[in-house]
Amino acid sequence: MISDEQWRIDALNIPAKLKEVFSGEDDRDLKEAMLVVWTALATASSTIKHLYSLVREAEILAIAANFDLATPSYGLTFDGTESYEEVVKRLGGCLRAMERELTDWDLGSRPSDPNKWLVSHGDNSAFLIPMGRLAWREPKDPDQDRRPFDQRGLLRLRFIPSIVDGAKVRIVKVDRLAKSEVRGFGAVLFPHPTFDCEEGDAKFVVKAVHIPDGNKIIIDACKHAHTDSCLASVFPELMIDPEARQLIRSQLAEKPCEVPPVLTGHRP
């Protein structure tokens, strides 16, 4: 991740990027401009994102009201002296103004095909997903709303990156729900474990855990989590060492058929 100062330098250059996007003919360029601004905040460090949570929604709305989206830079300007806080406020207000402009004129004619939700700019691409009108209602008093950017960056729409951790995201339109399909959570248990402990007068330290048939249990659990359509499967946290974690990772990625040697190891 880049430094906060480099982030600020790049953010000050966003108005120039928006001028490259602007055409003023339809909402295609507006969506691309939204992606530019959203990406800047979504990929910022936790320190920068924290600044957003310090700004009340009422202030974001007030800043948004002053943007002239008909200008080539969509009303976003910087003189280079702005603090981190001011940059975050201006970007947040610009994004809110763009979202309002795009959704206020929505009369239900937006495409319902997820393949038409993809928005791209340079090396970045994401699905701009419309939300139901009920979700457009302000959930909190703007004077009290200080939710973080991940929850409040957009209120009526959502950006979902097209690639997450190297995996391509594919959005599928569900025409109907299969009522017969039941999904639940899975829990994984390790029967009869033994522990190597270092005991003192007032405390003890677990140095290692030995799990009979541990590898087989993990492999079976990963398999059944898939075949049983589990929404999630939970392993005993304090019994998963680095070797067990790597085995779980390999099962999810490769799904091998052979059972590795018996699992023993040290806690992380």
C-alpha atoms as a PDB file:
ATOM      1  CA  MET A   1       0.000   0.000   0.000  1.00  0.00           C
ATOM      2  CA  ILE A   2       1.258   3.479  -0.830  1.00  0.00           C
ATOM      3  CA  SER A   3       2.077   6.005   1.885  1.00  0.00           C
ATOM      4  CA  ASP A   4      -0.563   8.452   3.065  1.00  0.00           C
ATOM      5  CA  GLU A   5       1.385  11.357   1.587  1.00  0.00           C
ATOM      6  CA  GLN A   6       1.573   9.644  -1.806  1.00  0.00           C
ATOM      7  CA  TRP A   7      -2.169   8.987  -1.543  1.00  0.00           C
ATOM      8  CA  ARG A   8      -2.742  12.708  -0.960  1.00  0.00           C
ATOM      9  CA  ILE A   9      -0.574  13.614  -3.960  1.00  0.00           C
ATOM     10  CA  ASP A  10      -2.504  11.180  -6.160  1.00  0.00           C
ATOM     11  CA  ALA A  11      -5.833  12.472  -4.816  1.00  0.00           C
ATOM     12  CA  LEU A  12      -4.924  16.051  -5.719  1.00  0.00           C
ATOM     13  CA  ASN A  13      -4.547  14.844  -9.319  1.00  0.00           C
ATOM     14  CA  ILE A  14      -8.084  13.391  -9.476  1.00  0.00           C
ATOM     15  CA  PRO A  15      -9.643  16.543 -11.027  1.00  0.00           C
ATOM     16  CA  ALA A  16      -7.315  16.086 -14.019  1.00  0.00           C
ATOM     17  CA  LYS A  17      -8.437  12.447 -14.318  1.00  0.00           C
ATOM     18  CA  LEU A  18     -12.072  13.508 -14.215  1.00  0.00           C
ATOM     19  CA  LYS A  19     -11.495  15.937 -17.078  1.00  0.00           C
ATOM     20  CA  GLU A  20     -10.276  12.996 -19.182  1.00  0.00           C
ATOM     21  CA  VAL A  21     -13.507  11.132 -18.401  1.00  0.00           C
ATOM     22  CA  PHE A  22     -15.982  13.985 -18.893  1.00  0.00           C
ATOM     23  CA  SER A  23     -18.118  14.108 -22.039  1.00  0.00           C
ATOM     24  CA  GLY A  24     -21.414  15.472 -20.696  1.00  0.00           C
ATOM     25  CA  GLU A  25     -23.446  13.339 -23.084  1.00  0.00           C
ATOM     26  CA  ASP A  26     -24.841  10.504 -20.953  1.00  0.00           C
ATOM     27  CA  ASP A  27     -24.426   8.856 -17.577  1.00  0.00           C
ATOM     28  CA  ARG A  28     -21.710   6.483 -18.797  1.00  0.00           C
ATOM     29  CA  ASP A  29     -18.991   9.031 -18.098  1.00  0.00           C
ATOM     30  CA  LEU A  30     -20.622   9.899 -14.756  1.00  0.00           C
ATOM     31  CA  LYS A  31     -20.373   6.262 -13.670  1.00  0.00           C
ATOM     32  CA  GLU A  32     -16.730   6.150 -14.738  1.00  0.00           C
ATOM     33  CA  ALA A  33     -16.047   9.359 -12.815  1.00  0.00           C
ATOM     34  CA  MET A  34     -17.711   7.822  -9.751  1.00  0.00           C
ATOM     35  CA  LEU A  35     -15.383   4.832 -10.031  1.00  0.00           C
ATOM     36  CA  VAL A  36     -12.353   7.140 -10.067  1.00  0.00           C
ATOM     37  CA  VAL A  37     -13.416   8.944  -6.889  1.00  0.00           C
ATOM     38  CA  TRP A  38     -14.698   5.817  -5.126  1.00  0.00           C
ATOM     39  CA  THR A  39     -11.477   3.895  -5.832  1.00  0.00           C
ATOM     40  CA  ALA A  40      -9.387   6.671  -4.295  1.00  0.00           C
ATOM     41  CA  LEU A  41     -11.239   6.380  -0.983  1.00  0.00           C
ATOM     42  CA  ALA A  42     -11.884   2.625  -1.061  1.00  0.00           C
ATOM     43  CA  THR A  43      -8.176   1.804  -1.480  1.00  0.00           C
ATOM     44  CA  ALA A  44      -6.917   4.368   1.043  1.00  0.00           C
ATOM     45  CA  SER A  45      -5.220   3.317   4.254  1.00  0.00           C
ATOM     46  CA  SER A  46      -7.190   2.736   7.442  1.00  0.00           C
ATOM     47  CA  THR A  47      -5.818   6.039   8.728  1.00  0.00           C
ATOM     48  CA  ILE A  48      -7.297   7.964   5.789  1.00  0.00           C
ATOM     49  CA  LYS A  49     -10.581   6.052   5.978  1.00  0.00           C
ATOM     50  CA  HIS A  50     -10.848   6.892   9.664  1.00  0.00           C
ATOM     51  CA  LEU A  51     -10.976  10.576   8.727  1.00  0.00           C
ATOM     52  CA  TYR A  52     -14.156   9.887   6.755  1.00  0.00           C
ATOM     53  CA  SER A  53     -15.863   8.473   9.849  1.00  0.00           C
ATOM     54  CA  LEU A  54     -15.185  11.766  11.642  1.00  0.00           C
ATOM     55  CA  VAL A  55     -17.293  13.680   9.104  1.00  0.00           C
ATOM     56  CA  ARG A  56     -21.046  13.816   9.747  1.00  0.00           C
ATOM     57  CA  GLU A  57     -23.324  12.850   6.851  1.00  0.00           C
ATOM     58  CA  ALA A  58     -24.953  16.285   7.134  1.00  0.00           C
ATOM     59  CA  GLU A  59     -21.577  17.829   6.288  1.00  0.00           C
ATOM     60  CA  ILE A  60     -21.080  15.445   3.343  1.00  0.00           C
ATOM     61  CA  LEU A  61     -24.485  16.482   1.983  1.00  0.00           C
ATOM     62  CA  ALA A  62     -23.690  20.181   2.441  1.00  0.00           C
ATOM     63  CA  ILE A  63     -20.432  19.802   0.540  1.00  0.00           C
ATOM     64  CA  ALA A  64     -22.176  17.785  -2.190  1.00  0.00           C
ATOM     65  CA  ALA A  65     -24.707  20.558  -2.734  1.00  0.00           C
ATOM     66  CA  ASN A  66     -21.918  22.911  -3.873  1.00  0.00           C
ATOM     67  CA  PHE A  67     -20.634  20.695  -6.687  1.00  0.00           C
ATOM     68  CA  ASP A  68     -21.309  21.662 -10.295  1.00  0.00           C
ATOM     69  CA  LEU A  69     -21.285  18.301 -12.057  1.00  0.00           C
ATOM     70  CA  ALA A  70     -21.692  19.981 -15.447  1.00  0.00           C
ATOM     71  CA  THR A  71     -18.069  21.158 -15.385  1.00  0.00           C
ATOM     72  CA  PRO A  72     -15.286  18.994 -16.878  1.00  0.00           C
ATOM     73  CA  SER A  73     -13.862  18.167 -13.435  1.00  0.00           C
ATOM     74  CA  TYR A  74     -17.378  17.579 -12.003  1.00  0.00           C
ATOM     75  CA  GLY A  75     -16.815  20.516  -9.697  1.00  0.00           C
ATOM     76  CA  LEU A  76     -13.879  18.897  -7.884  1.00  0.00           C
ATOM     77  CA  THR A  77     -10.931  21.268  -7.462  1.00  0.00           C
ATOM     78  CA  PHE A  78      -7.835  21.425  -5.267  1.00  0.00           C
ATOM     79  CA  ASP A  79      -5.224  24.153  -4.901  1.00  0.00           C
ATOM     80  CA  GLY A  80      -2.620  21.822  -3.406  1.00  0.00           C
ATOM     81  CA  THR A  81      -2.713  23.151   0.156  1.00  0.00           C
ATOM     82  CA  GLU A  82      -5.589  20.976   1.402  1.00  0.00           C
ATOM     83  CA  SER A  83      -5.047  18.803   4.478  1.00  0.00           C
ATOM     84  CA  TYR A  84      -5.845  15.112   4.543  1.00  0.00           C
ATOM     85  CA  GLU A  85      -9.138  15.902   6.235  1.00  0.00           C
ATOM     86  CA  GLU A  86     -10.132  18.434   3.586  1.00  0.00           C
ATOM     87  CA  VAL A  87      -9.206  16.074   0.730  1.00  0.00           C
ATOM     88  CA  VAL A  88     -11.345  13.321   2.255  1.00  0.00           C
ATOM     89  CA  LYS A  89     -14.283  15.705   2.712  1.00  0.00           C
ATOM     90  CA  ARG A  90     -14.097  16.991  -0.859  1.00  0.00           C
ATOM     91  CA  LEU A  91     -13.874  13.489  -2.324  1.00  0.00           C
ATOM     92  CA  GLY A  92     -16.744  12.266  -0.127  1.00  0.00           C
ATOM     93  CA  GLY A  93     -18.923  15.214  -1.101  1.00  0.00           C
ATOM     94  CA  CYS A  94     -18.130  14.805  -4.789  1.00  0.00           C
ATOM     95  CA  LEU A  95     -19.035  11.113  -4.675  1.00  0.00           C
ATOM     96  CA  ARG A  96     -22.309  11.854  -2.905  1.00  0.00           C
ATOM     97  CA  ALA A  97     -23.193  14.543  -5.476  1.00  0.00           C
ATOM     98  CA  MET A  98     -22.499  12.093  -8.316  1.00  0.00           C
ATOM     99  CA  GLU A  99     -24.611   9.395  -6.675  1.00  0.00           C
ATOM    100  CA  ARG A 100     -27.531  11.776  -6.203  1.00  0.00           C
ATOM    101  CA  GLU A 101     -27.290  12.972  -9.795  1.00  0.00           C
ATOM    102  CA  LEU A 102     -27.313   9.415 -11.118  1.00  0.00           C
ATOM    103  CA  THR A 103     -30.155   8.136  -8.943  1.00  0.00           C
ATOM    104  CA  ASP A 104     -32.468  11.154  -8.701  1.00  0.00           C
ATOM    105  CA  TRP A 105     -33.336  10.719 -12.369  1.00  0.00           C
ATOM    106  CA  ASP A 106     -33.778   6.955 -12.100  1.00  0.00           C
ATOM    107  CA  LEU A 107     -37.352   6.116 -13.139  1.00  0.00           C
ATOM    108  CA  GLY A 108     -36.793   2.368 -13.093  1.00  0.00           C
ATOM    109  CA  SER A 109     -35.134   2.147 -16.495  1.00  0.00           C
ATOM    110  CA  ARG A 110     -31.723   1.015 -15.249  1.00  0.00           C
ATOM    111  CA  PRO A 111     -30.562  -2.304 -16.770  1.00  0.00           C
ATOM    112  CA  SER A 112     -31.356  -5.382 -14.704  1.00  0.00           C
ATOM    113  CA  ASP A 113     -28.708  -7.479 -16.472  1.00  0.00           C
ATOM    114  CA  PRO A 114     -25.631  -7.700 -14.157  1.00  0.00           C
ATOM    115  CA  ASN A 115     -23.380  -7.851 -17.217  1.00  0.00           C
ATOM    116  CA  LYS A 116     -24.349  -4.244 -17.955  1.00  0.00           C
ATOM    117  CA  TRP A 117     -23.367  -3.022 -14.498  1.00  0.00           C
ATOM    118  CA  LEU A 118     -19.622  -3.211 -15.191  1.00  0.00           C
ATOM    119  CA  VAL A 119     -17.796   0.130 -15.091  1.00  0.00           C
ATOM    120  CA  SER A 120     -14.133   0.468 -16.080  1.00  0.00           C
ATOM    121  CA  HIS A 121     -11.442   3.116 -15.921  1.00  0.00           C
ATOM    122  CA  GLY A 122      -7.830   2.320 -16.686  1.00  0.00           C
ATOM    123  CA  ASP A 123      -6.853  -0.839 -14.829  1.00  0.00           C
ATOM    124  CA  ASN A 124      -9.801  -0.618 -12.440  1.00  0.00           C
ATOM    125  CA  SER A 125     -13.227  -2.119 -13.024  1.00  0.00           C
ATOM    126  CA  ALA A 126     -16.197  -2.734 -10.753  1.00  0.00           C
ATOM    127  CA  PHE A 127     -19.881  -3.537 -10.857  1.00  0.00           C
ATOM    128  CA  LEU A 128     -22.071  -0.549  -9.999  1.00  0.00           C
ATOM    129  CA  ILE A 129     -25.046  -2.278  -8.401  1.00  0.00           C
ATOM    130  CA  PRO A 130     -28.365  -0.457  -7.952  1.00  0.00           C
ATOM    131  CA  MET A 131     -30.132  -0.966  -4.651  1.00  0.00           C
ATOM    132  CA  GLY A 132     -33.847  -1.212  -3.992  1.00  0.00           C
ATOM    133  CA  ARG A 133     -35.618   2.059  -3.342  1.00  0.00           C
ATOM    134  CA  LEU A 134     -36.298   1.085   0.281  1.00  0.00           C
ATOM    135  CA  ALA A 135     -32.547   1.145   0.817  1.00  0.00           C
ATOM    136  CA  TRP A 136     -32.481   4.768  -0.365  1.00  0.00           C
ATOM    137  CA  ARG A 137     -34.138   5.958   2.820  1.00  0.00           C
ATOM    138  CA  GLU A 138     -31.713   7.650   5.149  1.00  0.00           C
ATOM    139  CA  PRO A 139     -31.154   5.047   7.900  1.00  0.00           C
ATOM    140  CA  LYS A 140     -29.864   7.591  10.401  1.00  0.00           C
ATOM    141  CA  ASP A 141     -30.102  11.242  11.270  1.00  0.00           C
ATOM    142  CA  PRO A 142     -27.512  12.955   9.010  1.00  0.00           C
ATOM    143  CA  ASP A 143     -26.407  15.026  11.983  1.00  0.00           C
ATOM    144  CA  GLN A 144     -25.530  11.832  13.873  1.00  0.00           C
ATOM    145  CA  ASP A 145     -24.429   9.556  11.028  1.00  0.00           C
ATOM    146  CA  ARG A 146     -20.666   9.000  11.227  1.00  0.00           C
ATOM    147  CA  ARG A 147     -20.466   5.540   9.714  1.00  0.00           C
ATOM    148  CA  PRO A 148     -17.175   4.589   8.004  1.00  0.00           C
ATOM    149  CA  PHE A 149     -16.649   4.912   4.273  1.00  0.00           C
ATOM    150  CA  ASP A 150     -17.250   1.200   3.609  1.00  0.00           C
ATOM    151  CA  GLN A 151     -20.808   1.629   4.942  1.00  0.00           C
ATOM    152  CA  ARG A 152     -21.552   5.199   3.879  1.00  0.00           C
ATOM    153  CA  GLY A 153     -19.385   6.000   0.852  1.00  0.00           C
ATOM    154  CA  LEU A 154     -22.423   5.238  -1.301  1.00  0.00           C
ATOM    155  CA  LEU A 155     -25.989   5.017   0.028  1.00  0.00           C
ATOM    156  CA  ARG A 156     -28.114   4.204  -3.008  1.00  0.00           C
ATOM    157  CA  LEU A 157     -25.605   2.185  -5.028  1.00  0.00           C
ATOM    158  CA  ARG A 158     -22.762  -0.222  -4.369  1.00  0.00           C
ATOM    159  CA  PHE A 159     -19.446  -0.751  -6.130  1.00  0.00           C
ATOM    160  CA  ILE A 160     -18.189  -4.351  -6.113  1.00  0.00           C
ATOM    161  CA  PRO A 161     -14.685  -4.773  -7.642  1.00  0.00           C
ATOM    162  CA  SER A 162     -14.614  -7.146 -10.591  1.00  0.00           C
ATOM    163  CA  ILE A 163     -11.470  -8.804  -9.193  1.00  0.00           C
ATOM    164  CA  VAL A 164     -10.991  -9.523  -5.474  1.00  0.00           C
ATOM    165  CA  ASP A 165      -7.700 -11.025  -4.257  1.00  0.00           C
ATOM    166  CA  GLY A 166      -6.971 -12.209  -7.789  1.00  0.00           C
ATOM    167  CA  ALA A 167     -10.345 -13.937  -8.188  1.00  0.00           C
ATOM    168  CA  LYS A 168     -12.784 -12.744 -10.841  1.00  0.00           C
ATOM    169  CA  VAL A 169     -16.196 -11.743  -9.520  1.00  0.00           C
ATOM    170  CA  ARG A 170     -19.225 -12.938 -11.468  1.00  0.00           C
ATOM    171  CA  ILE A 171     -22.666 -11.622 -10.608  1.00  0.00           C
ATOM    172  CA  VAL A 172     -25.535 -13.953 -11.468  1.00  0.00           C
ATOM    173  CA  LYS A 173     -29.139 -12.833 -11.751  1.00  0.00           C
ATOM    174  CA  VAL A 174     -31.400 -15.153  -9.768  1.00  0.00           C
ATOM    175  CA  ASP A 175     -34.742 -15.514 -11.523  1.00  0.00           C
ATOM    176  CA  ARG A 176     -36.276 -17.433  -8.647  1.00  0.00           C
ATOM    177  CA  LEU A 177     -35.313 -18.800  -5.267  1.00  0.00           C
ATOM    178  CA  ALA A 178     -35.089 -22.536  -4.762  1.00  0.00           C
ATOM    179  CA  LYS A 179     -37.210 -22.902  -1.627  1.00  0.00           C
ATOM    180  CA  SER A 180     -36.221 -26.514  -1.134  1.00  0.00           C
ATOM    181  CA  GLU A 181     -32.576 -25.610  -0.675  1.00  0.00           C
ATOM    182  CA  VAL A 182     -31.616 -25.156   2.957  1.00  0.00           C
ATOM    183  CA  ARG A 183     -28.326 -23.498   3.825  1.00  0.00           C
ATOM    184  CA  GLY A 184     -26.820 -23.338   7.269  1.00  0.00           C
ATOM    185  CA  PHE A 185     -23.581 -23.088   9.191  1.00  0.00           C
ATOM    186  CA  GLY A 186     -21.129 -25.905   9.847  1.00  0.00           C
ATOM    187  CA  ALA A 187     -19.091 -26.527  12.993  1.00  0.00           C
ATOM    188  CA  VAL A 188     -15.909 -28.616  13.031  1.00  0.00           C
ATOM    189  CA  LEU A 189     -14.906 -30.516  16.172  1.00  0.00           C
ATOM    190  CA  PHE A 190     -11.615 -32.283  17.006  1.00  0.00           C
ATOM    191  CA  PRO A 191     -12.377 -35.239  19.335  1.00  0.00           C
ATOM    192  CA  HIS A 192      -9.847 -36.407  21.961  1.00  0.00           C
ATOM    193  CA  PRO A 193      -7.028 -33.883  21.429  1.00  0.00           C
ATOM    194  CA  THR A 194      -3.943 -33.975  23.662  1.00  0.00           C
ATOM    195  CA  PHE A 195      -1.925 -30.946  24.704  1.00  0.00           C
ATOM    196  CA  ASP A 196       1.733 -30.405  25.609  1.00  0.00           C
ATOM    197  CA  CYS A 197       1.629 -27.978  28.504  1.00  0.00           C
ATOM    198  CA  GLU A 198       4.222 -26.136  30.528  1.00  0.00           C
ATOM    199  CA  GLU A 199       2.712 -25.693  33.972  1.00  0.00           C
ATOM    200  CA  GLY A 200       3.698 -23.328  36.751  1.00  0.00           C
ATOM    201  CA  ASP A 201       2.302 -22.481  40.162  1.00  0.00           C
ATOM    202  CA  ALA A 202      -0.197 -19.897  38.868  1.00  0.00           C
ATOM    203  CA  LYS A 203      -0.368 -20.409  35.102  1.00  0.00           C
ATOM    204  CA  PHE A 204       0.174 -22.855  32.287  1.00  0.00           C
ATOM    205  CA  VAL A 205       1.190 -22.490  28.654  1.00  0.00           C
ATOM    206  CA  VAL A 206       0.009 -24.797  25.867  1.00  0.00           C
ATOM    207  CA  LYS A 207       3.084 -25.412  23.704  1.00  0.00           C
ATOM    208  CA  ALA A 208       1.582 -27.884  21.218  1.00  0.00           C
ATOM    209  CA  VAL A 209      -1.615 -29.724  20.384  1.00  0.00           C
ATOM    210  CA  HIS A 210      -1.923 -33.211  18.895  1.00  0.00           C
ATOM    211  CA  ILE A 211      -5.131 -34.033  17.037  1.00  0.00           C
ATOM    212  CA  PRO A 212      -5.846 -37.699  16.220  1.00  0.00           C
ATOM    213  CA  ASP A 213      -6.750 -37.969  12.533  1.00  0.00           C
ATOM    214  CA  GLY A 214      -6.593 -34.175  12.377  1.00  0.00           C
ATOM    215  CA  ASN A 215      -5.850 -33.970   8.670  1.00  0.00           C
ATOM    216  CA  LYS A 216      -8.688 -36.344   7.782  1.00  0.00           C
ATOM    217  CA  ILE A 217     -11.116 -34.324   9.910  1.00  0.00           C
ATOM    218  CA  ILE A 218     -10.108 -31.106   8.156  1.00  0.00           C
ATOM    219  CA  ILE A 219     -10.388 -32.646   4.690  1.00  0.00           C
ATOM    220  CA  ASP A 220     -13.795 -34.167   5.466  1.00  0.00           C
ATOM    221  CA  ALA A 221     -14.995 -30.870   6.955  1.00  0.00           C
ATOM    222  CA  CYS A 222     -14.012 -28.900   3.862  1.00  0.00           C
ATOM    223  CA  LYS A 223     -15.682 -31.473   1.636  1.00  0.00           C
ATOM    224  CA  HIS A 224     -18.940 -31.519   3.617  1.00  0.00           C
ATOM    225  CA  ALA A 225     -19.019 -27.731   3.854  1.00  0.00           C
ATOM    226  CA  HIS A 226     -19.339 -27.790   0.073  1.00  0.00           C
ATOM    227  CA  THR A 227     -21.645 -30.784  -0.361  1.00  0.00           C
ATOM    228  CA  ASP A 228     -23.949 -29.585   2.464  1.00  0.00           C
ATOM    229  CA  SER A 229     -24.095 -26.049   0.965  1.00  0.00           C
ATOM    230  CA  CYS A 230     -22.908 -24.414   4.190  1.00  0.00           C
ATOM    231  CA  LEU A 231     -22.837 -20.650   4.249  1.00  0.00           C
ATOM    232  CA  ALA A 232     -19.832 -20.918   6.568  1.00  0.00           C
ATOM    233  CA  SER A 233     -17.939 -23.553   8.536  1.00  0.00           C
ATOM    234  CA  VAL A 234     -16.232 -22.688  11.818  1.00  0.00           C
ATOM    235  CA  PHE A 235     -13.068 -24.394  13.076  1.00  0.00           C
ATOM    236  CA  PRO A 236     -11.889 -24.291  16.739  1.00  0.00           C
ATOM    237  CA  GLU A 237      -9.742 -21.167  16.564  1.00  0.00           C
ATOM    238  CA  LEU A 238      -7.188 -22.017  19.238  1.00  0.00           C
ATOM    239  CA  MET A 239      -6.535 -25.473  17.767  1.00  0.00           C
ATOM    240  CA  ILE A 240      -5.636 -24.268  14.280  1.00  0.00           C
ATOM    241  CA  ASP A 241      -1.875 -23.853  13.914  1.00  0.00           C
ATOM    242  CA  PRO A 242      -0.059 -22.654  10.761  1.00  0.00           C
ATOM    243  CA  GLU A 243       0.113 -26.190   9.328  1.00  0.00           C
ATOM    244  CA  ALA A 244      -3.609 -26.765   9.804  1.00  0.00           C
ATOM    245  CA  ARG A 245      -4.372 -23.343   8.348  1.00  0.00           C
ATOM    246  CA  GLN A 246      -2.299 -24.160   5.278  1.00  0.00           C
ATOM    247  CA  LEU A 247      -4.124 -27.479   4.881  1.00  0.00           C
ATOM    248  CA  ILE A 248      -7.493 -25.700   4.984  1.00  0.00           C
ATOM    249  CA  ARG A 249      -6.233 -23.201   2.430  1.00  0.00           C
ATOM    250  CA  SER A 250      -5.029 -25.970   0.101  1.00  0.00           C
ATOM    251  CA  GLN A 251      -8.340 -27.830   0.436  1.00  0.00           C
ATOM    252  CA  LEU A 252     -10.287 -24.746  -0.607  1.00  0.00           C
ATOM    253  CA  ALA A 253      -7.925 -24.056  -3.505  1.00  0.00           C
ATOM    254  CA  GLU A 254      -6.981 -27.523  -4.812  1.00  0.00           C
ATOM    255  CA  LYS A 255      -9.396 -30.044  -3.259  1.00  0.00           C
ATOM    256  CA  PRO A 256      -6.886 -32.947  -3.189  1.00  0.00           C
ATOM    257  CA  CYS A 257      -8.087 -36.513  -2.655  1.00  0.00           C
ATOM    258  CA  GLU A 258      -5.185 -37.987  -0.708  1.00  0.00           C
ATOM    259  CA  VAL A 259      -4.886 -37.601   3.052  1.00  0.00           C
ATOM    260  CA  PRO A 260      -1.574 -36.054   4.204  1.00  0.00           C
ATOM    261  CA  PRO A 261       0.348 -37.380   7.246  1.00  0.00           C
ATOM    262  CA  VAL A 262      -1.132 -37.132  10.766  1.00  0.00           C
ATOM    263  CA  LEU A 263      -1.418 -33.534  11.944  1.00  0.00           C
ATOM    264  CA  THR A 264       0.623 -32.369  14.937  1.00  0.00           C
ATOM    265  CA  GLY A 265       2.086 -28.982  15.501  1.00  0.00           C
ATOM    266  CA  HIS A 266       2.560 -25.891  17.612  1.00  0.00           C
ATOM    267  CA  ARG A 267      -0.042 -23.256  18.187  1.00  0.00           C
ATOM    268  CA  PRO A 268       0.581 -19.939  16.376  1.00  0.00           C
END
